[in-house]
Amino acid sequence: MTLVTGAAGFIGHHLINKLAGEGHEVIGIDNLNNYYDPQLKRDRLFEAGIDRRSAEAGSEVVSTRFPNYRFRKLDLTDGEAMRGLFAEHPIRKVCNLAAQAGVRYSITNPQAYVAANVTGFVNVLENCRAHNVEHLVYASSSSVYGLNEKIPFSENDPVARPVSLYAATKISNELMAHTYSHLYNLPTTGLRFFTVYGPWGRPDMAYSLFSDAILNDRPINVFNQGKMSRDFTYVGDIVDGVERVLTQPRPVHDDARHRIYNIGNGQPVSLLNFIELLENQLGCKAKKNYVGMQRGDVEKTFADTSALQRDYDYRANTNLEEGISSFVNWYLEYYQLGGVDAGAEVSERSKQITSAD
């Protein structure tokens, strides 16, 4: 059985649908917090066949869509509940995607990041150690590269200059995982995600915020005068890579128990080009408000994915135009059907619209 944490999150939702759809036994957990509108998380669960009322009540729910998938509302920081989960289920592999997300939110809410991303991750490590889990795959982030100027970013580059607490907690995850691999021979693999986008994406991400503002004829803040670029990566490509690492045998070219990989598109795109493609798909022009760099931000991200290609034959195959089209089609359908109150949560965050995450 595979445990996926952050099951109601953006990437977790897509990963579980893929794993369960291919017949893997999966148990997913999520605390369903309100960092962004929990209704989107509930709707992701519903789309995966999970009864939302039972899930909210804390019951372990079996999916009506995937009989091999069950969900439980659970917080990683609850050590007793985590121990009970591992004791009850024969968990052999773990994919830890749960975390307090968002670079800028970490500036004003540091305690949330320490609790979820540090304490919660230690609970994951401890239970993996205690139950001899075969492989722990966990989400890291391109944010760890911080002020590095060399591009593309390589796994061998130093990560000693983070510019946000979020990035610092992700670096701590990598260090703790390395320690557990060294002390207990626990196989661990960290995946440094580069800006992920696509259907069911988070409403606080730039592409969702931009879409909401453009469609409602509000200006968007374009940071660093638009001189930004991001390695935008479609969620389907990300999930394909995560699944490969999680389910395929680990490569044997070295004896390392702890590994780090970049997982991205490997083709950075300027922010202005991204906005233009979004405008084309939405059929509306953006009103741009050019401003300076925001705290916690970096100018460029660019993934060197050669190691993941070598070890797992990973390649991102979705071009940006195709990916944005897929996102926009979902966005219009979901919000026009009233899946969440688009006029509340998303619009409120649009007042402080960001250039990228």
Protein backbone atom coordinates (compact mmCIF):
# COMPACT_ATOMS: atom_id res chain seq x y z
CA MET A 1 0.00 0.00 0.00
CA THR A 2 1.14 3.54 -0.83
CA LEU A 3 0.46 6.49 1.47
CA VAL A 4 0.04 9.89 -0.21
CA THR A 5 -0.05 12.88 2.11
CA GLY A 6 -1.65 16.09 0.88
CA ALA A 7 -4.25 13.97 -0.89
CA ALA A 8 -6.71 16.85 -1.37
CA GLY A 9 -3.99 19.14 -2.68
CA PHE A 10 -3.27 20.02 -6.28
CA ILE A 11 -0.52 17.50 -7.08
CA GLY A 12 -1.74 14.92 -4.56
CA HIS A 13 -5.16 14.81 -6.21
CA HIS A 14 -3.69 14.12 -9.65
CA LEU A 15 -1.18 11.59 -8.33
CA ILE A 16 -3.81 9.57 -6.46
CA ASN A 17 -6.12 9.48 -9.47
CA LYS A 18 -3.25 8.13 -11.56
CA LEU A 19 -2.02 5.57 -9.02
CA ALA A 20 -5.48 4.34 -8.06
CA GLY A 21 -6.58 4.31 -11.69
CA GLU A 22 -3.69 1.95 -12.45
CA GLY A 23 -4.70 -0.42 -9.66
CA HIS A 24 -2.31 0.57 -6.86
CA GLU A 25 -3.62 0.34 -3.30
CA VAL A 26 -3.57 3.90 -1.98
CA ILE A 27 -4.44 5.62 1.25
CA GLY A 28 -4.52 9.41 1.21
CA ILE A 29 -4.51 11.86 4.09
CA ASP A 30 -5.02 15.62 4.29
CA ASN A 31 -5.90 18.04 7.07
CA LEU A 32 -8.15 20.11 4.75
CA ASN A 33 -6.88 23.38 6.19
CA ASN A 34 -8.12 26.78 5.08
CA TYR A 35 -4.93 28.30 3.65
CA TYR A 36 -7.10 28.64 0.55
CA ASP A 37 -10.81 27.89 0.12
CA PRO A 38 -11.31 24.32 1.46
CA GLN A 39 -14.21 23.88 -0.98
CA LEU A 40 -11.71 23.31 -3.78
CA LYS A 41 -10.10 20.55 -1.70
CA ARG A 42 -13.50 19.01 -1.02
CA ASP A 43 -14.30 19.10 -4.72
CA ARG A 44 -11.02 17.41 -5.58
CA LEU A 45 -11.93 14.65 -3.13
CA PHE A 46 -15.41 14.38 -4.61
CA GLU A 47 -13.95 14.10 -8.11
CA ALA A 48 -11.87 11.17 -6.84
CA GLY A 49 -14.97 9.45 -5.42
CA ILE A 50 -14.64 10.47 -1.77
CA ASP A 51 -17.80 11.42 0.14
CA ARG A 52 -17.07 14.90 1.43
CA ARG A 53 -19.24 14.81 4.55
CA SER A 54 -17.72 11.56 5.76
CA ALA A 55 -14.25 12.88 5.00
CA GLU A 56 -14.87 16.08 6.98
CA ALA A 57 -16.16 14.03 9.92
CA GLY A 58 -12.85 12.19 10.12
CA SER A 59 -14.09 8.81 8.96
CA GLU A 60 -11.88 6.67 6.75
CA VAL A 61 -13.71 6.76 3.43
CA VAL A 62 -13.43 4.32 0.53
CA SER A 63 -13.67 5.91 -2.91
CA THR A 64 -16.70 5.08 -5.03
CA ARG A 65 -14.59 5.71 -8.12
CA PHE A 66 -11.51 3.73 -7.08
CA PRO A 67 -12.29 0.88 -4.64
CA ASN A 68 -8.53 0.61 -3.99
CA TYR A 69 -8.35 4.20 -2.68
CA ARG A 70 -9.30 5.28 0.82
CA PHE A 71 -9.04 8.70 2.44
CA ARG A 72 -8.73 9.93 6.01
CA LYS A 73 -8.69 13.47 7.35
CA LEU A 74 -5.47 13.66 9.36
CA ASP A 75 -2.86 16.26 10.24
CA LEU A 76 0.82 15.34 9.93
CA THR A 77 1.54 17.21 13.13
CA ASP A 78 -0.68 14.81 15.11
CA GLY A 79 1.94 12.28 16.16
CA GLU A 80 -0.49 9.88 17.80
CA ALA A 81 -2.82 9.80 14.79
CA MET A 82 0.13 9.24 12.46
CA ARG A 83 1.36 6.31 14.55
CA GLY A 84 -2.15 4.85 14.50
CA LEU A 85 -2.36 5.16 10.72
CA PHE A 86 0.88 3.27 10.14
CA ALA A 87 -0.11 0.64 12.70
CA GLU A 88 -3.46 0.02 10.99
CA HIS A 89 -2.29 -0.20 7.37
CA PRO A 90 0.50 -2.14 5.62
CA ILE A 91 2.14 0.98 4.19
CA ARG A 92 5.19 0.09 2.11
CA LYS A 93 5.75 3.32 0.17
CA VAL A 94 5.10 6.95 1.08
CA CYS A 95 4.81 10.07 -1.07
CA ASN A 96 4.83 13.13 1.17
CA LEU A 97 3.22 16.05 -0.64
CA ALA A 98 1.61 17.66 2.40
CA ALA A 99 3.12 21.00 3.37
CA GLN A 100 2.20 24.54 4.14
CA ALA A 101 2.51 26.00 0.67
CA GLY A 102 3.26 29.49 -0.59
CA VAL A 103 6.47 31.50 -0.54
CA ARG A 104 5.02 34.86 0.45
CA TYR A 105 2.59 33.55 3.05
CA SER A 106 5.61 32.27 4.99
CA ILE A 107 6.74 35.85 5.59
CA THR A 108 3.63 36.66 7.63
CA ASN A 109 2.80 33.20 9.04
CA PRO A 110 6.11 31.54 9.94
CA GLN A 111 4.73 29.23 12.65
CA ALA A 112 2.45 27.47 10.16
CA TYR A 113 5.52 26.47 8.13
CA VAL A 114 7.51 25.19 11.08
CA ALA A 115 4.57 23.06 12.23
CA ALA A 116 3.59 21.53 8.88
CA ASN A 117 6.90 21.43 7.05
CA VAL A 118 9.25 20.56 9.89
CA THR A 119 7.33 18.89 12.74
CA GLY A 120 4.99 17.14 10.30
CA PHE A 121 7.87 15.87 8.20
CA VAL A 122 9.66 14.48 11.25
CA ASN A 123 6.50 12.49 12.04
CA VAL A 124 6.57 11.08 8.51
CA LEU A 125 10.24 10.14 8.83
CA GLU A 126 9.77 8.53 12.23
CA ASN A 127 6.90 6.35 11.07
CA CYS A 128 8.72 5.36 7.91
CA ARG A 129 11.68 4.30 10.05
CA ALA A 130 9.58 2.44 12.61
CA HIS A 131 7.67 0.49 9.96
CA ASN A 132 10.54 -0.25 7.57
CA VAL A 133 8.97 1.61 4.67
CA GLU A 134 10.57 0.62 1.38
CA HIS A 135 10.81 4.12 -0.09
CA LEU A 136 9.89 7.65 0.98
CA VAL A 137 9.46 10.17 -1.84
CA TYR A 138 8.90 13.74 -0.69
CA ALA A 139 8.23 17.13 -2.23
CA SER A 140 10.99 19.69 -2.11
CA SER A 141 11.01 22.88 -4.18
CA SER A 142 12.96 24.94 -6.66
CA SER A 143 12.78 27.65 -3.99
CA VAL A 144 15.77 26.02 -2.27
CA TYR A 145 18.06 27.53 -4.92
CA GLY A 146 17.32 30.99 -3.53
CA LEU A 147 19.83 33.59 -4.67
CA ASN A 148 21.81 31.22 -6.92
CA GLU A 149 22.65 32.99 -10.17
CA LYS A 150 23.98 30.02 -12.13
CA ILE A 151 21.39 28.52 -14.47
CA PRO A 152 20.10 25.99 -15.14
CA PHE A 153 19.80 24.94 -11.50
CA SER A 154 21.56 21.66 -10.81
CA GLU A 155 21.14 19.31 -7.87
CA ASN A 156 24.85 19.82 -7.24
CA ASP A 157 24.48 23.57 -6.74
CA PRO A 158 24.72 24.99 -3.19
CA VAL A 159 21.45 25.74 -1.43
CA ALA A 160 22.73 27.85 1.45
CA ARG A 161 21.02 31.13 0.48
CA PRO A 162 17.22 30.73 0.72
CA VAL A 163 15.15 33.92 0.49
CA SER A 164 11.99 32.70 2.26
CA LEU A 165 11.15 30.62 5.29
CA TYR A 166 9.25 28.26 2.97
CA ALA A 167 12.49 27.56 1.11
CA ALA A 168 14.36 27.12 4.39
CA THR A 169 11.87 24.49 5.57
CA LYS A 170 12.29 22.60 2.30
CA ILE A 171 16.06 22.61 2.72
CA SER A 172 15.54 21.28 6.25
CA ASN A 173 13.42 18.46 4.84
CA GLU A 174 16.27 17.45 2.56
CA LEU A 175 18.75 17.50 5.43
CA MET A 176 16.48 15.49 7.73
CA ALA A 177 15.78 12.93 5.02
CA HIS A 178 19.49 12.56 4.39
CA THR A 179 20.07 12.00 8.11
CA TYR A 180 17.42 9.28 8.34
CA SER A 181 18.79 7.59 5.24
CA HIS A 182 22.27 7.62 6.77
CA LEU A 183 21.27 6.50 10.26
CA TYR A 184 18.55 3.96 9.44
CA ASN A 185 19.17 2.96 5.80
CA LEU A 186 15.77 4.42 4.90
CA PRO A 187 15.60 4.98 1.12
CA THR A 188 14.47 8.58 0.56
CA THR A 189 14.13 10.68 -2.58
CA GLY A 190 13.46 14.43 -2.66
CA LEU A 191 11.91 16.00 -5.75
CA ARG A 192 12.49 19.70 -6.29
CA PHE A 193 9.31 20.84 -8.03
CA PHE A 194 9.45 23.75 -10.46
CA THR A 195 6.38 25.96 -10.93
CA VAL A 196 3.53 23.50 -11.43
CA TYR A 197 0.33 24.53 -13.21
CA GLY A 198 -2.78 22.88 -14.64
CA PRO A 199 -6.39 21.88 -13.89
CA TRP A 200 -7.39 21.82 -10.22
CA GLY A 201 -4.53 24.21 -9.46
CA ARG A 202 -4.32 26.29 -6.30
CA PRO A 203 -6.23 29.59 -6.38
CA ASP A 204 -3.25 31.44 -4.85
CA MET A 205 -0.96 30.59 -7.75
CA ALA A 206 -0.17 33.25 -10.33
CA TYR A 207 -2.01 31.65 -13.23
CA SER A 208 -5.25 31.36 -11.21
CA LEU A 209 -4.94 34.88 -9.84
CA PHE A 210 -4.16 36.27 -13.28
CA SER A 211 -7.14 34.47 -14.82
CA ASP A 212 -9.53 35.79 -12.19
CA ALA A 213 -8.29 39.36 -12.58
CA ILE A 214 -8.26 39.30 -16.38
CA LEU A 215 -11.78 37.90 -16.62
CA ASN A 216 -13.04 40.50 -14.14
CA ASP A 217 -11.29 43.44 -15.83
CA ARG A 218 -8.97 44.12 -12.89
CA PRO A 219 -5.27 44.96 -13.26
CA ILE A 220 -2.58 42.45 -12.43
CA ASN A 221 0.65 43.36 -10.68
CA VAL A 222 3.61 42.26 -12.79
CA PHE A 223 6.62 42.14 -10.51
CA ASN A 224 10.19 43.13 -11.34
CA GLN A 225 8.80 45.16 -14.27
CA GLY A 226 8.01 41.84 -15.99
CA LYS A 227 11.66 40.74 -16.03
CA MET A 228 10.87 37.32 -14.62
CA SER A 229 11.00 33.81 -16.02
CA ARG A 230 9.75 30.52 -14.65
CA ASP A 231 10.21 26.86 -15.51
CA PHE A 232 6.44 26.27 -15.80
CA THR A 233 5.69 22.54 -15.65
CA TYR A 234 2.35 20.93 -16.43
CA VAL A 235 0.91 18.89 -13.58
CA GLY A 236 0.51 15.78 -15.74
CA ASP A 237 4.25 15.77 -16.45
CA ILE A 238 5.03 16.26 -12.77
CA VAL A 239 2.76 13.38 -11.76
CA ASP A 240 4.32 11.13 -14.39
CA GLY A 241 7.74 11.82 -12.92
CA VAL A 242 6.61 11.33 -9.33
CA GLU A 243 5.00 8.01 -10.22
CA ARG A 244 8.15 6.81 -11.95
CA VAL A 245 10.27 7.56 -8.89
CA LEU A 246 7.70 6.06 -6.53
CA THR A 247 6.96 2.81 -8.39
CA GLN A 248 10.07 1.96 -10.42
CA PRO A 249 13.14 0.28 -8.90
CA ARG A 250 15.72 2.72 -7.64
CA PRO A 251 18.75 3.03 -9.96
CA VAL A 252 21.84 1.09 -8.96
CA HIS A 253 24.58 3.30 -10.38
CA ASP A 254 25.53 4.25 -6.80
CA ASP A 255 24.70 3.13 -3.27
CA ALA A 256 23.15 6.38 -2.07
CA ARG A 257 20.11 5.86 0.14
CA HIS A 258 19.12 9.52 -0.17
CA ARG A 259 18.76 11.22 -3.54
CA ILE A 260 17.63 14.63 -4.80
CA TYR A 261 16.22 15.33 -8.26
CA ASN A 262 14.97 18.39 -10.07
CA ILE A 263 11.59 17.79 -11.67
CA GLY A 264 10.53 20.47 -14.12
CA ASN A 265 10.07 21.32 -17.76
CA GLY A 266 13.63 22.42 -18.42
CA GLN A 267 12.40 25.25 -20.67
CA PRO A 268 11.92 28.53 -18.77
CA VAL A 269 9.40 31.00 -20.16
CA SER A 270 9.28 34.74 -19.54
CA LEU A 271 6.41 35.90 -17.36
CA LEU A 272 5.19 38.26 -20.08
CA ASN A 273 5.03 35.44 -22.62
CA PHE A 274 3.11 33.34 -20.10
CA ILE A 275 0.61 36.17 -19.59
CA GLU A 276 0.23 36.58 -23.36
CA LEU A 277 -0.61 32.89 -23.80
CA LEU A 278 -3.09 33.14 -20.95
CA GLU A 279 -4.70 36.18 -22.58
CA ASN A 280 -5.04 34.30 -25.86
CA GLN A 281 -6.78 31.36 -24.20
CA LEU A 282 -9.07 33.55 -22.10
CA GLY A 283 -9.91 35.83 -25.01
CA CYS A 284 -9.22 38.94 -22.87
CA LYS A 285 -6.35 41.38 -22.51
CA ALA A 286 -4.73 41.93 -19.14
CA LYS A 287 -4.35 45.34 -17.58
CA LYS A 288 -0.76 45.25 -16.37
CA ASN A 289 0.56 47.18 -13.42
CA TYR A 290 4.36 46.98 -13.53
CA VAL A 291 5.95 47.04 -10.08
CA GLY A 292 9.25 46.15 -8.41
CA MET A 293 10.45 42.80 -7.09
CA GLN A 294 8.52 41.39 -4.16
CA ARG A 295 10.16 40.06 -1.00
CA GLY A 296 10.88 36.34 -1.09
CA ASP A 297 10.85 36.24 -4.89
CA VAL A 298 13.58 35.29 -7.37
CA GLU A 299 14.03 36.48 -10.93
CA LYS A 300 14.52 33.15 -12.72
CA THR A 301 14.01 29.43 -12.27
CA PHE A 302 15.36 26.87 -14.72
CA ALA A 303 15.60 23.14 -14.02
CA ASP A 304 18.41 20.88 -15.13
CA THR A 305 16.49 17.57 -15.25
CA SER A 306 19.26 15.45 -16.74
CA ALA A 307 19.63 13.28 -13.61
CA LEU A 308 15.94 12.39 -13.58
CA GLN A 309 16.10 11.68 -17.32
CA ARG A 310 19.09 9.41 -16.79
CA ASP A 311 17.66 7.44 -13.88
CA TYR A 312 13.94 7.34 -14.68
CA ASP A 313 13.66 8.31 -18.36
CA TYR A 314 11.66 11.38 -17.31
CA ARG A 315 10.73 14.02 -19.85
CA ALA A 316 8.16 16.79 -19.72
CA ASN A 317 6.08 16.41 -22.88
CA THR A 318 3.39 19.08 -22.50
CA ASN A 319 4.11 22.37 -24.25
CA LEU A 320 3.01 25.56 -22.54
CA GLU A 321 0.24 26.46 -24.99
CA GLU A 322 -1.34 23.01 -24.62
CA GLY A 323 -1.01 23.12 -20.85
CA ILE A 324 -2.50 26.59 -20.50
CA SER A 325 -5.39 25.58 -22.76
CA SER A 326 -6.11 22.61 -20.52
CA PHE A 327 -5.98 24.80 -17.42
CA VAL A 328 -8.22 27.52 -18.87
CA ASN A 329 -10.82 25.00 -20.05
CA TRP A 330 -11.00 23.56 -16.54
CA TYR A 331 -10.94 26.97 -14.87
CA LEU A 332 -13.84 28.35 -16.88
CA GLU A 333 -15.94 25.25 -16.44
CA TYR A 334 -15.24 24.85 -12.73
CA TYR A 335 -15.75 28.42 -11.63
CA GLN A 336 -18.66 29.11 -13.96
CA LEU A 337 -20.40 26.06 -12.52
CA GLY A 338 -19.83 27.47 -9.03
CA GLY A 339 -17.47 24.82 -7.67
CA VAL A 340 -16.25 27.47 -5.25
CA ASP A 341 -17.20 31.08 -4.70
CA ALA A 342 -14.76 32.56 -7.18
CA GLY A 343 -15.81 36.03 -6.20
CA ALA A 344 -14.59 35.67 -2.62
CA GLU A 345 -11.35 33.80 -2.01
CA VAL A 346 -9.75 34.19 -5.42
CA SER A 347 -10.74 37.82 -5.82
CA GLU A 348 -9.47 38.73 -2.38
CA ARG A 349 -6.07 37.25 -3.15
CA SER A 350 -6.04 39.00 -6.51
CA LYS A 351 -5.60 42.28 -4.66
CA GLN A 352 -2.11 41.09 -3.81
CA ILE A 353 -1.58 39.21 -7.06
CA THR A 354 1.80 37.56 -7.41
CA SER A 355 4.10 37.07 -10.33
CA ALA A 356 4.94 33.41 -9.67
CA ASP A 357 5.54 30.87 -6.89
